[in-house]
Amino acid sequence: MVAVADRLMTDGAVVVTVAAGERASGLANMIRQYLEQILADSPEKRAETAALRGRLGLHAREGDVTVTLAFADGGVIIEEGLREPDGVISGEIEFLMHLLAGRANPAWEIGGGRLAIRPGLHRPLFAYQAYHLMRLPGVHLWSGLPRPPVRFMVGAAAAATLLVVAWRIRSSGARR
């Protein structure tokens, strides 16, 4: 087994390693590049990575490709296949990338059947912890929910205003 290591920051000591080296799948290489980018840009993400321990499985359904991200002392090892993961996130690669970038909401995607999260029994929150780490900095939990149409929002605001006005008129008329 050949390992390729890329040191991201000498001061953060975070290393992303692709265990399969040149034979790595496209998914493993995409995840490596993604992790390198977010870790290079964020000292908070580097600290979070250094503290996280466990194994996250990612399953891209369209090619039935799986990788395991092993968070260990000072870095991440990306292995081909599912290797005793503490949690698995499964979906089409497009939805996995949208989820990580904050353009998709996990609850919405799970409800639509485009994404599945299988937590481990002994570490049920690990998949969420790893998702939190891999999310782009500044993306909050409810990012990615579909936005209601502007007409709907304007109509709802107008209806609420009318209700408040009617209530005030009625309550002022009752005092007389």
N, C-alpha and C. Protein backbone atom coordinates (compact mmCIF):
# COMPACT_ATOMS: atom_id res chain seq x y z
N MET A 1 0.85 -1.17 0.00
CA MET A 1 0.00 0.00 0.00
C MET A 1 0.90 1.24 0.00
N VAL A 2 0.68 2.10 -0.94
CA VAL A 2 1.44 3.34 -1.06
C VAL A 2 0.62 4.46 -0.44
N ALA A 3 1.24 5.30 0.33
CA ALA A 3 0.52 6.42 0.94
C ALA A 3 1.04 7.72 0.37
N VAL A 4 0.15 8.61 0.10
CA VAL A 4 0.50 9.95 -0.36
C VAL A 4 0.09 10.90 0.75
N ALA A 5 1.00 11.67 1.24
CA ALA A 5 0.67 12.61 2.32
C ALA A 5 0.90 14.03 1.84
N ASP A 6 0.01 14.88 2.20
CA ASP A 6 0.12 16.30 1.87
C ASP A 6 0.05 17.07 3.18
N ARG A 7 1.14 17.71 3.56
CA ARG A 7 1.12 18.51 4.79
C ARG A 7 0.48 19.84 4.46
N LEU A 8 -0.58 20.15 5.21
CA LEU A 8 -1.33 21.37 4.95
C LEU A 8 -0.69 22.58 5.59
N MET A 9 -0.37 22.47 6.84
CA MET A 9 0.18 23.60 7.56
C MET A 9 1.23 23.06 8.51
N THR A 10 2.39 23.67 8.52
CA THR A 10 3.41 23.20 9.44
C THR A 10 3.07 23.60 10.87
N ASP A 11 2.36 24.71 11.06
CA ASP A 11 2.03 25.13 12.40
C ASP A 11 0.82 24.39 12.96
N GLY A 12 -0.05 23.85 12.12
CA GLY A 12 -1.23 23.12 12.58
C GLY A 12 -1.00 21.63 12.61
N ALA A 13 0.02 21.14 11.95
CA ALA A 13 0.38 19.73 11.91
C ALA A 13 -0.79 18.84 11.46
N VAL A 14 -1.60 19.32 10.52
CA VAL A 14 -2.71 18.53 9.99
C VAL A 14 -2.25 17.91 8.68
N VAL A 15 -2.35 16.60 8.59
CA VAL A 15 -1.92 15.88 7.40
C VAL A 15 -3.12 15.12 6.83
N VAL A 16 -3.34 15.25 5.53
CA VAL A 16 -4.37 14.47 4.85
C VAL A 16 -3.64 13.42 4.03
N THR A 17 -3.96 12.16 4.27
CA THR A 17 -3.28 11.06 3.60
C THR A 17 -4.30 10.24 2.81
N VAL A 18 -3.98 9.97 1.55
CA VAL A 18 -4.80 9.06 0.74
C VAL A 18 -4.05 7.73 0.72
N ALA A 19 -4.62 6.73 1.39
CA ALA A 19 -3.92 5.46 1.57
C ALA A 19 -3.65 4.74 0.26
N ALA A 20 -4.51 4.87 -0.74
CA ALA A 20 -4.35 4.13 -1.99
C ALA A 20 -3.38 4.81 -2.95
N GLY A 21 -2.90 5.99 -2.61
CA GLY A 21 -1.94 6.68 -3.45
C GLY A 21 -2.49 6.98 -4.83
N GLU A 22 -1.74 6.62 -5.85
CA GLU A 22 -2.12 6.89 -7.23
C GLU A 22 -3.34 6.07 -7.68
N ARG A 23 -3.62 4.97 -6.99
CA ARG A 23 -4.77 4.13 -7.35
C ARG A 23 -6.06 4.56 -6.66
N ALA A 24 -6.05 5.71 -6.02
CA ALA A 24 -7.23 6.17 -5.28
C ALA A 24 -8.39 6.48 -6.22
N SER A 25 -9.59 6.28 -5.72
CA SER A 25 -10.80 6.58 -6.50
C SER A 25 -10.96 8.09 -6.66
N GLY A 26 -11.81 8.47 -7.58
CA GLY A 26 -12.11 9.88 -7.76
C GLY A 26 -12.72 10.49 -6.51
N LEU A 27 -13.55 9.72 -5.80
CA LEU A 27 -14.16 10.20 -4.57
C LEU A 27 -13.10 10.50 -3.52
N ALA A 28 -12.14 9.60 -3.36
CA ALA A 28 -11.07 9.82 -2.38
C ALA A 28 -10.27 11.07 -2.72
N ASN A 29 -9.96 11.26 -3.99
CA ASN A 29 -9.20 12.44 -4.40
C ASN A 29 -10.01 13.73 -4.23
N MET A 30 -11.32 13.69 -4.53
CA MET A 30 -12.17 14.87 -4.34
C MET A 30 -12.24 15.23 -2.86
N ILE A 31 -12.41 14.24 -2.00
CA ILE A 31 -12.49 14.50 -0.56
C ILE A 31 -11.15 15.05 -0.05
N ARG A 32 -10.04 14.51 -0.54
CA ARG A 32 -8.73 15.01 -0.13
C ARG A 32 -8.58 16.48 -0.51
N GLN A 33 -8.91 16.81 -1.76
CA GLN A 33 -8.80 18.20 -2.21
C GLN A 33 -9.72 19.11 -1.40
N TYR A 34 -10.93 18.65 -1.14
CA TYR A 34 -11.88 19.44 -0.37
C TYR A 34 -11.35 19.70 1.05
N LEU A 35 -10.87 18.63 1.71
CA LEU A 35 -10.32 18.79 3.06
C LEU A 35 -9.11 19.72 3.07
N GLU A 36 -8.23 19.56 2.08
CA GLU A 36 -7.06 20.45 2.01
C GLU A 36 -7.50 21.90 1.95
N GLN A 37 -8.50 22.18 1.15
CA GLN A 37 -8.96 23.56 0.97
C GLN A 37 -9.55 24.12 2.27
N ILE A 38 -10.48 23.40 2.90
CA ILE A 38 -11.11 23.97 4.09
C ILE A 38 -10.13 24.03 5.27
N LEU A 39 -9.21 23.07 5.35
CA LEU A 39 -8.25 23.08 6.46
C LEU A 39 -7.20 24.17 6.26
N ALA A 40 -6.80 24.41 5.03
CA ALA A 40 -5.81 25.46 4.76
C ALA A 40 -6.37 26.84 5.08
N ASP A 41 -7.67 27.02 4.88
CA ASP A 41 -8.30 28.33 5.06
C ASP A 41 -8.79 28.61 6.47
N SER A 42 -8.80 27.62 7.35
CA SER A 42 -9.44 27.81 8.65
C SER A 42 -8.65 27.19 9.80
N PRO A 43 -8.07 28.02 10.66
CA PRO A 43 -7.39 27.48 11.84
C PRO A 43 -8.36 26.74 12.77
N GLU A 44 -9.63 27.20 12.81
CA GLU A 44 -10.62 26.52 13.64
C GLU A 44 -10.88 25.10 13.15
N LYS A 45 -10.96 24.93 11.82
CA LYS A 45 -11.18 23.60 11.26
C LYS A 45 -9.97 22.70 11.50
N ARG A 46 -8.76 23.27 11.46
CA ARG A 46 -7.56 22.47 11.75
C ARG A 46 -7.58 21.98 13.19
N ALA A 47 -7.97 22.87 14.12
CA ALA A 47 -8.04 22.47 15.53
C ALA A 47 -9.13 21.42 15.74
N GLU A 48 -10.25 21.60 15.07
CA GLU A 48 -11.36 20.63 15.18
C GLU A 48 -10.93 19.27 14.63
N THR A 49 -10.20 19.27 13.53
CA THR A 49 -9.70 18.03 12.93
C THR A 49 -8.74 17.32 13.86
N ALA A 50 -7.83 18.08 14.46
CA ALA A 50 -6.84 17.49 15.36
C ALA A 50 -7.50 16.86 16.59
N ALA A 51 -8.66 17.37 16.99
CA ALA A 51 -9.34 16.84 18.18
C ALA A 51 -10.30 15.69 17.87
N LEU A 52 -10.73 15.56 16.62
CA LEU A 52 -11.73 14.56 16.26
C LEU A 52 -11.11 13.17 16.13
N ARG A 53 -11.76 12.18 16.72
CA ARG A 53 -11.30 10.79 16.63
C ARG A 53 -12.46 9.92 16.19
N GLY A 54 -12.24 9.12 15.16
CA GLY A 54 -13.27 8.21 14.70
C GLY A 54 -13.18 7.99 13.21
N ARG A 55 -14.15 7.26 12.66
CA ARG A 55 -14.12 6.88 11.25
C ARG A 55 -15.48 7.18 10.61
N LEU A 56 -15.45 7.97 9.55
CA LEU A 56 -16.67 8.32 8.82
C LEU A 56 -16.63 7.67 7.45
N GLY A 57 -17.69 6.95 7.11
CA GLY A 57 -17.81 6.36 5.79
C GLY A 57 -18.63 7.26 4.89
N LEU A 58 -18.20 7.43 3.65
CA LEU A 58 -18.95 8.16 2.63
C LEU A 58 -19.23 7.19 1.49
N HIS A 59 -20.50 7.15 1.07
CA HIS A 59 -20.91 6.23 0.01
C HIS A 59 -21.54 7.04 -1.12
N ALA A 60 -20.88 7.06 -2.28
CA ALA A 60 -21.44 7.70 -3.47
C ALA A 60 -22.23 6.63 -4.21
N ARG A 61 -23.54 6.78 -4.21
CA ARG A 61 -24.42 5.72 -4.72
C ARG A 61 -24.27 5.47 -6.21
N GLU A 62 -24.08 6.53 -7.02
CA GLU A 62 -24.13 6.33 -8.46
C GLU A 62 -23.03 5.41 -8.98
N GLY A 63 -21.91 5.34 -8.34
CA GLY A 63 -20.86 4.42 -8.77
C GLY A 63 -20.60 3.34 -7.74
N ASP A 64 -21.41 3.34 -6.67
CA ASP A 64 -21.22 2.44 -5.55
C ASP A 64 -19.78 2.51 -5.05
N VAL A 65 -19.28 3.74 -4.92
CA VAL A 65 -17.92 3.99 -4.46
C VAL A 65 -17.98 4.39 -2.99
N THR A 66 -17.12 3.79 -2.19
CA THR A 66 -17.09 4.11 -0.76
C THR A 66 -15.68 4.44 -0.32
N VAL A 67 -15.60 5.37 0.61
CA VAL A 67 -14.33 5.69 1.25
C VAL A 67 -14.58 5.84 2.75
N THR A 68 -13.53 5.67 3.52
CA THR A 68 -13.59 5.88 4.95
C THR A 68 -12.58 6.94 5.31
N LEU A 69 -13.03 7.94 6.06
CA LEU A 69 -12.15 8.98 6.56
C LEU A 69 -11.84 8.65 8.01
N ALA A 70 -10.59 8.35 8.28
CA ALA A 70 -10.17 8.02 9.63
C ALA A 70 -9.51 9.25 10.24
N PHE A 71 -10.16 9.79 11.26
CA PHE A 71 -9.64 10.96 11.97
C PHE A 71 -8.81 10.44 13.13
N ALA A 72 -7.51 10.68 13.08
CA ALA A 72 -6.60 10.17 14.09
C ALA A 72 -5.66 11.29 14.54
N ASP A 73 -4.64 10.93 15.29
CA ASP A 73 -3.70 11.91 15.82
C ASP A 73 -3.13 12.80 14.73
N GLY A 74 -3.53 14.06 14.73
CA GLY A 74 -2.94 15.05 13.85
C GLY A 74 -3.31 14.99 12.39
N GLY A 75 -4.27 14.19 12.00
CA GLY A 75 -4.59 14.16 10.59
C GLY A 75 -5.75 13.26 10.21
N VAL A 76 -5.90 13.13 8.90
CA VAL A 76 -6.99 12.34 8.33
C VAL A 76 -6.39 11.35 7.33
N ILE A 77 -6.80 10.11 7.42
CA ILE A 77 -6.40 9.09 6.44
C ILE A 77 -7.64 8.72 5.66
N ILE A 78 -7.57 8.81 4.34
CA ILE A 78 -8.70 8.46 3.48
C ILE A 78 -8.41 7.09 2.90
N GLU A 79 -9.27 6.12 3.22
CA GLU A 79 -9.10 4.74 2.78
C GLU A 79 -10.22 4.37 1.83
N GLU A 80 -9.93 3.50 0.89
CA GLU A 80 -10.95 3.00 -0.03
C GLU A 80 -11.83 1.98 0.70
N GLY A 81 -13.12 2.00 0.43
CA GLY A 81 -14.06 1.06 1.05
C GLY A 81 -14.52 1.53 2.42
N LEU A 82 -15.50 0.80 2.96
CA LEU A 82 -15.97 1.09 4.31
C LEU A 82 -15.20 0.21 5.28
N ARG A 83 -14.46 0.83 6.16
CA ARG A 83 -13.62 0.10 7.11
C ARG A 83 -14.02 0.46 8.54
N GLU A 84 -14.95 -0.30 9.08
CA GLU A 84 -15.43 -0.15 10.45
C GLU A 84 -15.78 1.31 10.78
N PRO A 85 -16.68 1.93 10.00
CA PRO A 85 -17.01 3.33 10.26
C PRO A 85 -17.88 3.51 11.50
N ASP A 86 -17.73 4.67 12.13
CA ASP A 86 -18.58 5.05 13.26
C ASP A 86 -19.88 5.68 12.78
N GLY A 87 -19.95 5.97 11.50
CA GLY A 87 -21.15 6.53 10.88
C GLY A 87 -20.93 6.56 9.38
N VAL A 88 -22.03 6.49 8.62
CA VAL A 88 -21.94 6.50 7.15
C VAL A 88 -22.92 7.53 6.61
N ILE A 89 -22.45 8.36 5.69
CA ILE A 89 -23.31 9.28 4.96
C ILE A 89 -23.34 8.77 3.53
N SER A 90 -24.55 8.56 3.01
CA SER A 90 -24.72 7.95 1.70
C SER A 90 -25.63 8.80 0.83
N GLY A 91 -25.25 8.97 -0.43
CA GLY A 91 -26.08 9.72 -1.37
C GLY A 91 -25.37 9.87 -2.70
N GLU A 92 -26.07 10.49 -3.64
CA GLU A 92 -25.44 10.81 -4.91
C GLU A 92 -24.31 11.81 -4.64
N ILE A 93 -23.24 11.74 -5.38
CA ILE A 93 -22.09 12.60 -5.15
C ILE A 93 -22.47 14.07 -5.20
N GLU A 94 -23.40 14.41 -6.09
CA GLU A 94 -23.85 15.80 -6.19
C GLU A 94 -24.44 16.28 -4.87
N PHE A 95 -25.28 15.45 -4.23
CA PHE A 95 -25.89 15.85 -2.97
C PHE A 95 -24.89 15.85 -1.83
N LEU A 96 -23.92 14.93 -1.86
CA LEU A 96 -22.88 14.94 -0.83
C LEU A 96 -22.09 16.25 -0.90
N MET A 97 -21.72 16.68 -2.10
CA MET A 97 -20.96 17.92 -2.25
C MET A 97 -21.80 19.15 -1.90
N HIS A 98 -23.08 19.14 -2.30
CA HIS A 98 -23.96 20.25 -1.94
C HIS A 98 -24.15 20.33 -0.43
N LEU A 99 -24.24 19.19 0.21
CA LEU A 99 -24.39 19.14 1.65
C LEU A 99 -23.18 19.77 2.34
N LEU A 100 -21.99 19.36 1.91
CA LEU A 100 -20.77 19.88 2.53
C LEU A 100 -20.57 21.37 2.26
N ALA A 101 -21.00 21.82 1.09
CA ALA A 101 -20.84 23.23 0.74
C ALA A 101 -21.92 24.10 1.36
N GLY A 102 -22.92 23.51 2.00
CA GLY A 102 -23.98 24.29 2.62
C GLY A 102 -25.11 24.66 1.68
N ARG A 103 -25.11 24.12 0.48
CA ARG A 103 -26.19 24.41 -0.47
C ARG A 103 -27.36 23.43 -0.32
N ALA A 104 -27.19 22.44 0.53
CA ALA A 104 -28.26 21.47 0.79
C ALA A 104 -28.35 21.27 2.30
N ASN A 105 -29.54 21.02 2.77
CA ASN A 105 -29.78 20.82 4.18
C ASN A 105 -29.92 19.32 4.44
N PRO A 106 -29.20 18.79 5.45
CA PRO A 106 -29.27 17.34 5.68
C PRO A 106 -30.68 16.82 5.95
N ALA A 107 -31.44 17.52 6.78
CA ALA A 107 -32.79 17.05 7.10
C ALA A 107 -33.67 17.03 5.85
N TRP A 108 -33.54 18.05 5.03
CA TRP A 108 -34.34 18.15 3.80
C TRP A 108 -33.95 17.03 2.82
N GLU A 109 -32.65 16.79 2.67
CA GLU A 109 -32.17 15.76 1.74
C GLU A 109 -32.51 14.35 2.23
N ILE A 110 -32.47 14.13 3.55
CA ILE A 110 -32.85 12.82 4.09
C ILE A 110 -34.34 12.61 3.86
N GLY A 111 -35.15 13.64 4.13
CA GLY A 111 -36.59 13.54 3.91
C GLY A 111 -36.95 13.27 2.47
N GLY A 112 -36.16 13.79 1.54
CA GLY A 112 -36.40 13.57 0.12
C GLY A 112 -35.81 12.28 -0.40
N GLY A 113 -35.11 11.54 0.45
CA GLY A 113 -34.53 10.26 0.05
C GLY A 113 -33.25 10.39 -0.76
N ARG A 114 -32.70 11.60 -0.86
CA ARG A 114 -31.48 11.80 -1.64
C ARG A 114 -30.22 11.56 -0.81
N LEU A 115 -30.40 11.44 0.49
CA LEU A 115 -29.27 11.29 1.40
C LEU A 115 -29.69 10.37 2.54
N ALA A 116 -28.76 9.58 3.04
CA ALA A 116 -29.03 8.73 4.20
C ALA A 116 -27.85 8.83 5.15
N ILE A 117 -28.15 8.86 6.42
CA ILE A 117 -27.10 8.86 7.43
C ILE A 117 -27.35 7.65 8.32
N ARG A 118 -26.32 6.83 8.43
CA ARG A 118 -26.42 5.63 9.28
C ARG A 118 -25.43 5.80 10.43
N PRO A 119 -25.94 6.16 11.61
CA PRO A 119 -25.03 6.34 12.74
C PRO A 119 -24.59 4.99 13.30
N GLY A 120 -23.42 5.00 13.91
CA GLY A 120 -22.95 3.80 14.59
C GLY A 120 -23.63 3.68 15.94
N LEU A 121 -23.78 2.47 16.44
CA LEU A 121 -24.47 2.26 17.71
C LEU A 121 -23.69 2.78 18.90
N HIS A 122 -22.38 2.64 18.88
CA HIS A 122 -21.59 3.08 20.03
C HIS A 122 -21.17 4.55 19.94
N ARG A 123 -21.34 5.19 18.78
CA ARG A 123 -21.03 6.62 18.62
C ARG A 123 -22.08 7.25 17.72
N PRO A 124 -23.31 7.40 18.21
CA PRO A 124 -24.40 7.83 17.35
C PRO A 124 -24.26 9.25 16.79
N LEU A 125 -23.48 10.12 17.41
CA LEU A 125 -23.35 11.50 16.93
C LEU A 125 -22.09 11.75 16.11
N PHE A 126 -21.29 10.72 15.89
CA PHE A 126 -20.03 10.94 15.18
C PHE A 126 -20.23 11.45 13.76
N ALA A 127 -21.21 10.92 13.04
CA ALA A 127 -21.44 11.38 11.66
C ALA A 127 -21.75 12.87 11.64
N TYR A 128 -22.53 13.34 12.63
CA TYR A 128 -22.81 14.77 12.70
C TYR A 128 -21.55 15.56 13.02
N GLN A 129 -20.73 15.07 13.93
CA GLN A 129 -19.49 15.77 14.29
C GLN A 129 -18.57 15.89 13.07
N ALA A 130 -18.45 14.81 12.31
CA ALA A 130 -17.61 14.85 11.12
C ALA A 130 -18.22 15.75 10.05
N TYR A 131 -19.56 15.72 9.90
CA TYR A 131 -20.23 16.62 8.96
C TYR A 131 -19.97 18.07 9.35
N HIS A 132 -20.06 18.36 10.63
CA HIS A 132 -19.82 19.73 11.12
C HIS A 132 -18.41 20.17 10.75
N LEU A 133 -17.44 19.28 10.93
CA LEU A 133 -16.06 19.60 10.57
C LEU A 133 -15.92 19.87 9.07
N MET A 134 -16.56 19.05 8.25
CA MET A 134 -16.37 19.14 6.81
C MET A 134 -17.20 20.22 6.14
N ARG A 135 -18.20 20.75 6.85
CA ARG A 135 -18.98 21.86 6.31
C ARG A 135 -18.08 23.06 6.10
N LEU A 136 -18.36 23.83 5.06
CA LEU A 136 -17.60 25.04 4.83
C LEU A 136 -17.74 25.97 6.03
N PRO A 137 -16.68 26.70 6.37
CA PRO A 137 -16.79 27.66 7.47
C PRO A 137 -17.87 28.70 7.18
N GLY A 138 -18.63 29.05 8.19
CA GLY A 138 -19.67 30.06 8.03
C GLY A 138 -21.01 29.50 7.59
N VAL A 139 -21.09 28.22 7.29
CA VAL A 139 -22.36 27.61 6.87
C VAL A 139 -23.07 27.12 8.13
N HIS A 140 -24.30 27.60 8.35
CA HIS A 140 -25.02 27.18 9.54
C HIS A 140 -25.87 25.95 9.23
N LEU A 141 -26.37 25.33 10.28
CA LEU A 141 -27.07 24.05 10.17
C LEU A 141 -28.23 24.07 9.19
N TRP A 142 -28.99 25.15 9.14
CA TRP A 142 -30.18 25.16 8.31
C TRP A 142 -29.95 25.77 6.94
N SER A 143 -28.71 25.96 6.56
CA SER A 143 -28.43 26.42 5.20
C SER A 143 -28.93 25.38 4.21
N GLY A 144 -29.27 25.83 3.03
CA GLY A 144 -29.66 24.91 1.98
C GLY A 144 -31.13 24.58 1.93
N LEU A 145 -31.92 25.12 2.84
CA LEU A 145 -33.36 24.88 2.73
C LEU A 145 -33.90 25.67 1.55
N PRO A 146 -34.86 25.11 0.84
CA PRO A 146 -35.41 25.84 -0.30
C PRO A 146 -36.05 27.15 0.16
N ARG A 147 -35.85 28.17 -0.61
CA ARG A 147 -36.42 29.48 -0.29
C ARG A 147 -37.84 29.55 -0.84
N PRO A 148 -38.78 30.04 -0.02
CA PRO A 148 -40.15 30.18 -0.55
C PRO A 148 -40.19 31.28 -1.60
N PRO A 149 -41.12 31.20 -2.54
CA PRO A 149 -41.22 32.23 -3.57
C PRO A 149 -41.51 33.60 -2.94
N VAL A 150 -41.01 34.65 -3.56
CA VAL A 150 -41.18 36.01 -3.06
C VAL A 150 -42.66 36.35 -2.94
N ARG A 151 -43.46 35.95 -3.93
CA ARG A 151 -44.89 36.24 -3.88
C ARG A 151 -45.54 35.64 -2.63
N PHE A 152 -45.13 34.46 -2.28
CA PHE A 152 -45.66 33.81 -1.09
C PHE A 152 -45.30 34.60 0.16
N MET A 153 -44.04 35.04 0.25
CA MET A 153 -43.59 35.80 1.42
C MET A 153 -44.33 37.14 1.52
N VAL A 154 -44.51 37.83 0.40
CA VAL A 154 -45.23 39.10 0.39
C VAL A 154 -46.68 38.87 0.80
N GLY A 155 -47.31 37.84 0.26
CA GLY A 155 -48.69 37.52 0.62
C GLY A 155 -48.83 37.19 2.10
N ALA A 156 -47.89 36.42 2.64
CA ALA A 156 -47.93 36.05 4.06
C ALA A 156 -47.76 37.29 4.93
N ALA A 157 -46.87 38.20 4.55
CA ALA A 157 -46.66 39.43 5.32
C ALA A 157 -47.91 40.31 5.26
N ALA A 158 -48.53 40.41 4.09
CA ALA A 158 -49.75 41.21 3.95
C ALA A 158 -50.89 40.62 4.79
N ALA A 159 -51.03 39.30 4.78
CA ALA A 159 -52.07 38.64 5.56
C ALA A 159 -51.84 38.87 7.05
N ALA A 160 -50.59 38.77 7.49
CA ALA A 160 -50.28 39.00 8.90
C ALA A 160 -50.58 40.44 9.29
N THR A 161 -50.25 41.38 8.43
CA THR A 161 -50.53 42.79 8.70
C THR A 161 -52.03 43.03 8.82
N LEU A 162 -52.82 42.45 7.90
CA LEU A 162 -54.27 42.59 7.95
C LEU A 162 -54.85 42.00 9.24
N LEU A 163 -54.34 40.88 9.66
CA LEU A 163 -54.81 40.28 10.91
C LEU A 163 -54.53 41.17 12.11
N VAL A 164 -53.33 41.76 12.15
CA VAL A 164 -52.98 42.65 13.25
C VAL A 164 -53.87 43.88 13.25
N VAL A 165 -54.09 44.49 12.08
CA VAL A 165 -54.95 45.67 11.97
C VAL A 165 -56.38 45.32 12.38
N ALA A 166 -56.90 44.21 11.91
CA ALA A 166 -58.27 43.80 12.27
C ALA A 166 -58.39 43.55 13.76
N TRP A 167 -57.39 42.93 14.36
CA TRP A 167 -57.40 42.66 15.79
C TRP A 167 -57.40 43.96 16.59
N ARG A 168 -56.57 44.93 16.16
CA ARG A 168 -56.51 46.23 16.85
C ARG A 168 -57.83 46.98 16.73
N ILE A 169 -58.42 46.96 15.54
CA ILE A 169 -59.71 47.64 15.34
C ILE A 169 -60.77 47.00 16.23
N ARG A 170 -60.77 45.69 16.25
CA ARG A 170 -61.77 44.97 17.06
C ARG A 170 -61.56 45.22 18.55
N SER A 171 -60.30 45.20 18.98
CA SER A 171 -60.05 45.40 20.42
C SER A 171 -60.31 46.85 20.83
N SER A 172 -60.09 47.83 19.95
CA SER A 172 -60.39 49.22 20.30
C SER A 172 -61.89 49.48 20.29
N GLY A 173 -62.64 48.77 19.42
CA GLY A 173 -64.09 48.89 19.38
C GLY A 173 -64.74 48.25 20.59
N ALA A 174 -64.13 47.23 21.16
CA ALA A 174 -64.68 46.54 22.33
C ALA A 174 -64.57 47.39 23.58
N ARG A 175 -63.61 48.32 23.62
CA ARG A 175 -63.41 49.17 24.81
C ARG A 175 -64.45 50.28 24.90
N ARG A 176 -65.08 50.62 23.80
CA ARG A 176 -66.03 51.76 23.80
C ARG A 176 -67.31 51.40 24.40
